[in-house]
Protein backbone atom coordinates (compact mmCIF):
# COMPACT_ATOMS: atom_id res chain seq x y z
CA UNK A 1 105.91 31.89 138.42
CA UNK A 2 107.03 30.69 134.95
CA UNK A 3 109.19 32.56 132.83
CA UNK A 4 108.17 33.33 129.30
CA UNK A 5 109.95 34.77 126.32
CA UNK A 6 108.91 36.77 123.44
CA UNK A 7 111.08 36.53 120.13
CA UNK A 8 110.24 39.15 117.72
CA UNK A 9 110.69 39.07 113.74
CA UNK A 10 110.05 42.14 111.75
CA UNK A 11 111.28 44.24 108.71
CA UNK A 12 114.40 44.90 110.51
CA UNK A 13 115.09 41.08 111.46
CA UNK A 14 115.07 38.68 114.32
CA UNK A 15 115.40 39.14 118.10
CA UNK A 16 115.73 36.32 119.98
CA UNK A 17 114.65 37.18 123.84
CA UNK A 18 117.03 35.53 126.17
CA UNK A 19 115.87 37.47 129.20
CA UNK A 20 112.17 36.65 129.35
CA UNK A 21 109.73 37.92 131.74
CA UNK A 22 107.72 36.02 134.79
CA UNK A 23 104.12 35.81 134.24
CA UNK A 24 101.15 33.74 135.82
CA UNK A 25 100.62 31.62 132.82
CA UNK A 26 100.60 31.43 128.95
CA UNK A 27 97.06 33.29 128.72
CA UNK A 28 98.63 36.20 130.30
CA UNK A 29 101.61 36.17 128.19
CA UNK A 30 99.67 35.86 124.91
CA UNK A 31 97.90 39.16 126.04
CA UNK A 32 101.00 40.92 126.61
CA UNK A 33 102.48 39.73 123.12
CA UNK A 34 99.05 41.02 121.62
CA UNK A 35 99.90 44.51 122.98
CA UNK A 36 103.16 44.42 121.86
CA UNK A 37 102.18 43.42 118.70
CA UNK A 38 99.96 46.08 118.30
CA UNK A 39 102.16 48.84 119.41
CA UNK A 40 104.57 47.56 116.87
CA UNK A 41 102.01 47.75 114.07
CA UNK A 42 100.89 51.09 114.94
CA UNK A 43 104.70 52.17 114.64
CA UNK A 44 104.96 50.38 111.44
CA UNK A 45 101.94 51.96 109.73
CA UNK A 46 103.59 55.25 110.15
CA UNK A 47 106.13 53.80 107.57
CA UNK A 48 105.52 53.62 103.76
CA UNK A 49 105.21 49.89 103.86
CA UNK A 50 104.41 47.62 106.75
CA UNK A 51 106.29 44.53 107.13
CA UNK A 52 105.29 41.45 108.45
CA UNK A 53 105.47 41.32 111.96
CA UNK A 54 105.56 38.24 114.47
CA UNK A 55 105.93 37.28 118.13
CA UNK A 56 106.87 33.85 119.29
CA UNK A 57 105.85 33.11 122.80
CA UNK A 58 108.03 30.40 124.77
CA UNK A 59 108.25 29.03 128.16
CA UNK A 60 109.42 25.47 127.47
CA UNK A 61 105.90 23.96 128.46
CA UNK A 62 102.98 25.37 127.24
CA UNK A 63 104.19 26.88 124.12
CA UNK A 64 105.50 27.97 121.77
CA UNK A 65 102.87 30.28 120.56
CA UNK A 66 103.13 32.33 117.45
CA UNK A 67 101.22 35.33 116.79
CA UNK A 68 101.80 36.87 113.38
CA UNK A 69 100.40 40.17 111.80
CA UNK A 70 100.97 40.78 108.18
CA UNK A 71 100.23 44.21 106.79
CA UNK A 72 99.98 45.07 102.93
CA UNK A 73 99.71 48.73 101.93
CA UNK A 74 98.59 49.39 98.22
CA UNK A 75 99.47 52.97 97.57
CA UNK A 76 97.87 53.98 94.23
CA UNK A 77 98.31 57.61 94.60
């Protein structure tokens, strides 16, 4: 089973995944990355401003695939 790596970049900096996780295919890896980024967005929305968040999915064959979410908060209160 191939190993996929999930590198994360957010307002706190960058994290390069050097451990990875075994998954059946890139489609499954992208689904896992989407779940992870949804959790990160939920957490970021609790803060005053949400940063740009991205996950780079690598496997060395089918990738890399970049998933990016950018949040903008316009607080006009």
